N, C-alpha and C. Protein backbone atom coordinates (compact mmCIF):
# COMPACT_ATOMS: atom_id res chain seq x y z
N MET A 1 -38.87 -70.41 70.36
CA MET A 1 -39.12 -69.71 69.10
C MET A 1 -37.82 -69.59 68.29
N ARG A 2 -36.72 -69.25 68.97
CA ARG A 2 -35.43 -69.10 68.29
C ARG A 2 -34.99 -70.45 67.71
N TYR A 3 -35.25 -71.53 68.46
CA TYR A 3 -34.91 -72.88 68.00
C TYR A 3 -35.70 -73.23 66.74
N PHE A 4 -36.94 -72.84 66.68
CA PHE A 4 -37.79 -73.12 65.52
C PHE A 4 -37.28 -72.38 64.28
N ILE A 5 -36.88 -71.13 64.45
CA ILE A 5 -36.38 -70.34 63.32
C ILE A 5 -35.06 -70.93 62.82
N SER A 6 -34.20 -71.35 63.74
CA SER A 6 -32.93 -71.97 63.34
C SER A 6 -33.18 -73.27 62.59
N LEU A 7 -34.11 -74.06 63.06
CA LEU A 7 -34.44 -75.32 62.41
C LEU A 7 -35.05 -75.08 61.02
N LEU A 8 -35.89 -74.07 60.92
CA LEU A 8 -36.50 -73.72 59.63
C LEU A 8 -35.43 -73.24 58.65
N GLY A 9 -34.46 -72.43 59.10
CA GLY A 9 -33.37 -71.96 58.25
C GLY A 9 -32.49 -73.10 57.78
N LEU A 10 -32.18 -74.05 58.69
CA LEU A 10 -31.38 -75.20 58.32
C LEU A 10 -32.10 -76.06 57.28
N ALA A 11 -33.41 -76.24 57.45
CA ALA A 11 -34.19 -77.02 56.49
C ALA A 11 -34.20 -76.33 55.12
N ALA A 12 -34.26 -75.01 55.10
CA ALA A 12 -34.25 -74.27 53.84
C ALA A 12 -32.91 -74.44 53.12
N ILE A 13 -31.82 -74.40 53.87
CA ILE A 13 -30.49 -74.56 53.27
C ILE A 13 -30.32 -75.95 52.71
N VAL A 14 -30.74 -76.97 53.47
CA VAL A 14 -30.65 -78.35 52.99
C VAL A 14 -31.53 -78.55 51.76
N GLY A 15 -32.72 -77.99 51.77
CA GLY A 15 -33.62 -78.11 50.63
C GLY A 15 -33.05 -77.44 49.38
N ALA A 16 -32.46 -76.27 49.55
CA ALA A 16 -31.87 -75.57 48.40
C ALA A 16 -30.69 -76.37 47.86
N GLY A 17 -29.89 -76.96 48.74
CA GLY A 17 -28.76 -77.78 48.29
C GLY A 17 -29.22 -79.00 47.53
N TYR A 18 -30.25 -79.67 48.03
CA TYR A 18 -30.80 -80.85 47.36
C TYR A 18 -31.35 -80.48 46.00
N PHE A 19 -32.06 -79.36 45.92
CA PHE A 19 -32.64 -78.92 44.66
C PHE A 19 -31.54 -78.62 43.64
N THR A 20 -30.46 -77.98 44.09
CA THR A 20 -29.36 -77.64 43.20
C THR A 20 -28.68 -78.89 42.66
N VAL A 21 -28.42 -79.85 43.54
CA VAL A 21 -27.76 -81.08 43.10
C VAL A 21 -28.70 -81.91 42.23
N ALA A 22 -29.97 -81.92 42.55
CA ALA A 22 -30.93 -82.72 41.79
C ALA A 22 -31.06 -82.23 40.35
N GLN A 23 -30.78 -80.97 40.10
CA GLN A 23 -30.85 -80.45 38.74
C GLN A 23 -29.73 -81.03 37.87
N TYR A 24 -28.61 -81.36 38.47
CA TYR A 24 -27.45 -81.79 37.70
C TYR A 24 -27.26 -83.30 37.67
N VAL A 25 -27.95 -84.04 38.51
CA VAL A 25 -27.75 -85.49 38.57
C VAL A 25 -29.02 -86.20 38.13
N ASP A 26 -28.87 -87.07 37.16
CA ASP A 26 -29.98 -87.90 36.71
C ASP A 26 -29.92 -89.20 37.51
N VAL A 27 -30.77 -89.30 38.53
CA VAL A 27 -30.71 -90.42 39.46
C VAL A 27 -31.06 -91.72 38.76
N ALA A 28 -31.98 -91.70 37.81
CA ALA A 28 -32.42 -92.93 37.14
C ALA A 28 -31.28 -93.57 36.36
N HIS A 29 -30.44 -92.77 35.74
CA HIS A 29 -29.36 -93.31 34.91
C HIS A 29 -28.01 -93.24 35.61
N GLY A 30 -27.94 -92.59 36.75
CA GLY A 30 -26.69 -92.49 37.49
C GLY A 30 -25.65 -91.63 36.80
N GLN A 31 -26.09 -90.72 35.93
CA GLN A 31 -25.16 -89.84 35.23
C GLN A 31 -25.27 -88.44 35.78
N SER A 32 -24.19 -87.73 35.72
CA SER A 32 -24.16 -86.37 36.20
C SER A 32 -23.79 -85.44 35.05
N THR A 33 -24.54 -84.36 34.89
CA THR A 33 -24.20 -83.40 33.84
C THR A 33 -23.00 -82.56 34.25
N LEU A 34 -22.63 -82.62 35.54
CA LEU A 34 -21.42 -81.92 35.96
C LEU A 34 -20.18 -82.60 35.40
N VAL A 35 -20.25 -83.94 35.21
CA VAL A 35 -19.10 -84.68 34.73
C VAL A 35 -19.16 -84.86 33.22
N SER A 36 -20.32 -85.19 32.68
CA SER A 36 -20.45 -85.42 31.25
C SER A 36 -20.87 -84.12 30.56
N ASP A 37 -19.89 -83.28 30.31
CA ASP A 37 -20.12 -81.99 29.67
C ASP A 37 -20.15 -82.20 28.17
N PRO A 38 -21.19 -81.72 27.47
CA PRO A 38 -21.25 -81.93 26.02
C PRO A 38 -20.11 -81.25 25.27
N SER A 39 -19.51 -80.21 25.82
CA SER A 39 -18.42 -79.54 25.11
C SER A 39 -17.17 -80.40 25.06
N LEU A 40 -17.08 -81.44 25.92
CA LEU A 40 -15.92 -82.32 25.90
C LEU A 40 -15.99 -83.34 24.77
N ASP A 41 -17.13 -83.47 24.11
CA ASP A 41 -17.28 -84.41 23.02
C ASP A 41 -16.54 -83.96 21.76
N ASN A 42 -16.11 -82.72 21.70
CA ASN A 42 -15.42 -82.19 20.53
C ASN A 42 -13.93 -82.51 20.55
N THR A 43 -13.46 -83.27 21.54
CA THR A 43 -12.03 -83.54 21.63
C THR A 43 -11.55 -84.37 20.45
N SER A 44 -12.37 -85.30 19.94
CA SER A 44 -11.94 -86.10 18.80
C SER A 44 -11.85 -85.24 17.54
N ALA A 45 -12.75 -84.28 17.40
CA ALA A 45 -12.68 -83.38 16.24
C ALA A 45 -11.46 -82.48 16.34
N ASP A 46 -11.17 -82.00 17.54
CA ASP A 46 -9.99 -81.16 17.72
C ASP A 46 -8.72 -81.97 17.48
N GLY A 47 -8.71 -83.22 17.92
CA GLY A 47 -7.55 -84.08 17.68
C GLY A 47 -7.34 -84.34 16.21
N ALA A 48 -8.42 -84.49 15.48
CA ALA A 48 -8.31 -84.71 14.03
C ALA A 48 -7.73 -83.47 13.35
N LYS A 49 -8.11 -82.29 13.82
CA LYS A 49 -7.57 -81.05 13.24
C LYS A 49 -6.07 -80.95 13.51
N VAL A 50 -5.66 -81.32 14.72
CA VAL A 50 -4.24 -81.26 15.07
C VAL A 50 -3.45 -82.25 14.22
N LEU A 51 -3.97 -83.46 14.05
CA LEU A 51 -3.28 -84.44 13.23
C LEU A 51 -3.19 -84.01 11.77
N ALA A 52 -4.25 -83.40 11.26
CA ALA A 52 -4.22 -82.92 9.87
C ALA A 52 -3.16 -81.83 9.72
N LEU A 53 -3.07 -80.94 10.68
CA LEU A 53 -2.06 -79.88 10.63
C LEU A 53 -0.66 -80.47 10.74
N LEU A 54 -0.49 -81.46 11.59
CA LEU A 54 0.81 -82.11 11.73
C LEU A 54 1.23 -82.79 10.43
N ASN A 55 0.30 -83.45 9.76
CA ASN A 55 0.61 -84.09 8.48
C ASN A 55 0.98 -83.07 7.42
N ARG A 56 0.30 -81.91 7.43
CA ARG A 56 0.65 -80.86 6.48
C ARG A 56 2.06 -80.34 6.73
N LEU A 57 2.43 -80.21 8.01
CA LEU A 57 3.77 -79.73 8.34
C LEU A 57 4.84 -80.74 7.95
N LYS A 58 4.54 -82.02 8.13
CA LYS A 58 5.50 -83.06 7.77
C LYS A 58 5.70 -83.15 6.26
N SER A 59 4.71 -82.75 5.48
CA SER A 59 4.82 -82.86 4.02
C SER A 59 5.63 -81.73 3.41
N ILE A 60 6.01 -80.74 4.18
CA ILE A 60 6.79 -79.62 3.66
C ILE A 60 8.24 -80.07 3.48
N ASN A 61 8.77 -79.83 2.28
CA ASN A 61 10.17 -80.18 1.98
C ASN A 61 10.95 -78.88 1.79
N LEU A 62 12.01 -78.72 2.53
CA LEU A 62 12.88 -77.55 2.39
C LEU A 62 14.18 -77.98 1.75
N ASN A 63 14.63 -77.18 0.78
CA ASN A 63 15.92 -77.46 0.18
C ASN A 63 16.87 -76.32 0.52
N GLY A 64 18.14 -76.60 0.48
CA GLY A 64 19.15 -75.61 0.86
C GLY A 64 19.77 -74.90 -0.31
N LYS A 65 19.12 -74.92 -1.48
CA LYS A 65 19.69 -74.28 -2.67
C LYS A 65 19.80 -72.77 -2.52
N ILE A 66 18.94 -72.19 -1.68
CA ILE A 66 18.98 -70.73 -1.51
C ILE A 66 20.29 -70.28 -0.88
N PHE A 67 20.90 -71.15 -0.10
CA PHE A 67 22.16 -70.78 0.55
C PHE A 67 23.33 -70.80 -0.42
N ASP A 68 23.18 -71.45 -1.54
CA ASP A 68 24.23 -71.48 -2.58
C ASP A 68 24.06 -70.34 -3.58
N ASN A 69 22.99 -69.61 -3.51
CA ASN A 69 22.70 -68.53 -4.44
C ASN A 69 23.73 -67.41 -4.22
N PRO A 70 24.29 -66.84 -5.31
CA PRO A 70 25.29 -65.76 -5.17
C PRO A 70 24.71 -64.52 -4.48
N LYS A 71 23.43 -64.25 -4.68
CA LYS A 71 22.84 -63.09 -4.02
C LYS A 71 22.80 -63.29 -2.51
N PHE A 72 22.56 -64.52 -2.08
CA PHE A 72 22.53 -64.79 -0.65
C PHE A 72 23.94 -64.72 -0.05
N THR A 73 24.91 -65.24 -0.76
CA THR A 73 26.28 -65.23 -0.24
C THR A 73 26.87 -63.83 -0.25
N SER A 74 26.33 -62.90 -1.07
CA SER A 74 26.85 -61.54 -1.10
C SER A 74 26.26 -60.66 0.01
N LEU A 75 25.32 -61.18 0.77
CA LEU A 75 24.74 -60.40 1.86
C LEU A 75 25.78 -60.13 2.94
N GLN A 76 25.68 -58.94 3.57
CA GLN A 76 26.64 -58.57 4.62
C GLN A 76 25.95 -58.66 5.98
N ASP A 77 26.75 -58.96 6.96
CA ASP A 77 26.25 -59.05 8.33
C ASP A 77 26.40 -57.68 8.98
N TRP A 78 25.30 -57.05 9.30
CA TRP A 78 25.30 -55.73 9.92
C TRP A 78 25.01 -55.79 11.42
N SER A 79 25.14 -56.94 11.99
CA SER A 79 24.83 -57.07 13.41
C SER A 79 25.86 -56.33 14.26
N VAL A 80 25.43 -55.84 15.39
CA VAL A 80 26.28 -55.10 16.32
C VAL A 80 26.41 -55.95 17.58
N GLU A 81 27.64 -56.10 18.05
CA GLU A 81 27.84 -56.88 19.25
C GLU A 81 27.41 -56.07 20.47
N ILE A 82 26.60 -56.68 21.30
CA ILE A 82 26.11 -56.00 22.50
C ILE A 82 27.14 -56.19 23.60
N PRO A 83 27.60 -55.09 24.19
CA PRO A 83 28.60 -55.23 25.25
C PRO A 83 28.00 -55.90 26.48
N THR A 84 28.82 -56.67 27.16
CA THR A 84 28.36 -57.34 28.37
C THR A 84 28.19 -56.31 29.48
N GLN A 85 27.18 -56.53 30.29
CA GLN A 85 26.90 -55.61 31.39
C GLN A 85 26.95 -56.39 32.69
N THR A 86 27.28 -55.66 33.75
CA THR A 86 27.34 -56.33 35.04
C THR A 86 25.94 -56.64 35.52
N VAL A 87 25.82 -57.74 36.23
CA VAL A 87 24.54 -58.17 36.77
C VAL A 87 24.31 -57.43 38.07
N GLY A 88 23.06 -57.11 38.35
CA GLY A 88 22.72 -56.39 39.58
C GLY A 88 22.85 -57.27 40.81
N ARG A 89 22.33 -56.78 41.91
CA ARG A 89 22.41 -57.51 43.16
C ARG A 89 21.55 -58.76 43.10
N PRO A 90 21.90 -59.80 43.89
CA PRO A 90 21.09 -61.02 43.87
C PRO A 90 19.66 -60.78 44.35
N ASN A 91 19.48 -59.95 45.36
CA ASN A 91 18.14 -59.64 45.85
C ASN A 91 18.01 -58.12 45.91
N PRO A 92 17.37 -57.49 44.92
CA PRO A 92 17.31 -56.03 44.88
C PRO A 92 16.44 -55.44 45.97
N TYR A 93 15.67 -56.26 46.67
CA TYR A 93 14.79 -55.74 47.71
C TYR A 93 15.48 -55.60 49.06
N LEU A 94 16.63 -56.21 49.22
CA LEU A 94 17.39 -56.04 50.44
C LEU A 94 18.11 -54.70 50.40
N PRO A 95 18.33 -54.07 51.56
CA PRO A 95 19.08 -52.81 51.54
C PRO A 95 20.52 -53.07 51.12
N PRO A 96 21.16 -52.08 50.51
CA PRO A 96 22.54 -52.27 50.07
C PRO A 96 23.44 -52.60 51.26
N SER A 97 24.48 -53.37 51.00
CA SER A 97 25.37 -53.73 52.09
C SER A 97 26.07 -52.49 52.61
N GLY A 98 26.16 -52.38 53.92
CA GLY A 98 26.80 -51.23 54.55
C GLY A 98 25.86 -50.06 54.78
N ALA A 99 24.64 -50.13 54.30
CA ALA A 99 23.69 -49.03 54.48
C ALA A 99 23.11 -49.10 55.88
N VAL A 100 22.99 -47.96 56.51
CA VAL A 100 22.43 -47.88 57.86
C VAL A 100 21.14 -47.07 57.77
N PHE A 101 20.07 -47.68 58.25
CA PHE A 101 18.78 -47.00 58.24
C PHE A 101 18.36 -46.77 59.67
N ALA A 102 18.02 -45.56 59.99
CA ALA A 102 17.57 -45.23 61.34
C ALA A 102 16.05 -45.10 61.35
N ALA A 103 15.46 -45.54 62.43
CA ALA A 103 14.01 -45.42 62.58
C ALA A 103 13.66 -43.96 62.79
N PRO A 104 12.54 -43.50 62.28
CA PRO A 104 12.16 -42.11 62.48
C PRO A 104 11.91 -41.84 63.96
N GLN A 105 12.36 -40.69 64.39
CA GLN A 105 12.21 -40.30 65.79
C GLN A 105 10.95 -39.47 65.96
N ALA A 106 10.29 -39.68 67.09
CA ALA A 106 9.09 -38.89 67.38
C ALA A 106 9.51 -37.49 67.81
N SER A 107 8.77 -36.52 67.34
CA SER A 107 9.06 -35.14 67.68
C SER A 107 8.45 -34.80 69.02
N THR A 108 9.20 -34.06 69.84
CA THR A 108 8.68 -33.63 71.15
C THR A 108 8.14 -32.22 71.09
N THR A 109 8.26 -31.56 69.93
CA THR A 109 7.76 -30.20 69.79
C THR A 109 6.26 -30.26 69.55
N PRO A 110 5.47 -29.53 70.35
CA PRO A 110 4.02 -29.54 70.13
C PRO A 110 3.67 -28.84 68.81
N VAL A 111 2.69 -29.36 68.15
CA VAL A 111 2.24 -28.81 66.88
C VAL A 111 0.89 -28.16 67.10
N THR A 112 0.77 -26.93 66.64
CA THR A 112 -0.49 -26.21 66.77
C THR A 112 -1.19 -26.22 65.42
N VAL A 113 -2.42 -26.70 65.44
CA VAL A 113 -3.20 -26.76 64.22
C VAL A 113 -4.28 -25.72 64.32
N PRO A 114 -4.33 -24.77 63.37
CA PRO A 114 -5.38 -23.74 63.44
C PRO A 114 -6.74 -24.35 63.12
N LEU A 115 -7.74 -23.92 63.85
CA LEU A 115 -9.09 -24.36 63.65
C LEU A 115 -9.73 -23.58 62.51
N PRO A 116 -10.57 -24.20 61.73
CA PRO A 116 -11.23 -23.47 60.64
C PRO A 116 -12.16 -22.40 61.20
N ARG A 117 -12.19 -21.29 60.52
CA ARG A 117 -13.04 -20.17 60.97
C ARG A 117 -14.43 -20.34 60.40
N SER A 118 -15.37 -19.93 61.15
CA SER A 118 -16.76 -19.99 60.72
C SER A 118 -17.02 -18.86 59.73
N THR A 119 -17.84 -19.10 58.72
CA THR A 119 -18.14 -18.09 57.70
C THR A 119 -19.49 -17.44 57.95
N ARG A 120 -20.04 -17.57 59.15
CA ARG A 120 -21.34 -16.97 59.45
C ARG A 120 -21.27 -15.52 59.69
């Protein structure tokens, strides 16, 4: 009886697997919907958009006349120099050099825990 139930369960698993794969594979044409995804057909349209944007960027002409403008040359630099700082340890997760860590010791003193009192 146990052998029959195991065989029936195995047949159910194989049947479910076949049904799942059969939904995605067109046996007559040898094509699989798992591989030929319709959303991948938009790649040529996306490529055309990228090329159009690239052509727009290439058509932009910048001139340097703004740098010769007296208003631009009269601007002041208000930047502040950031002082250099020392770099930390190479591995911050290691204990500092020279540090000694001791393992916690077990206490030999007995601990008394009070029992809760009944409210009856």
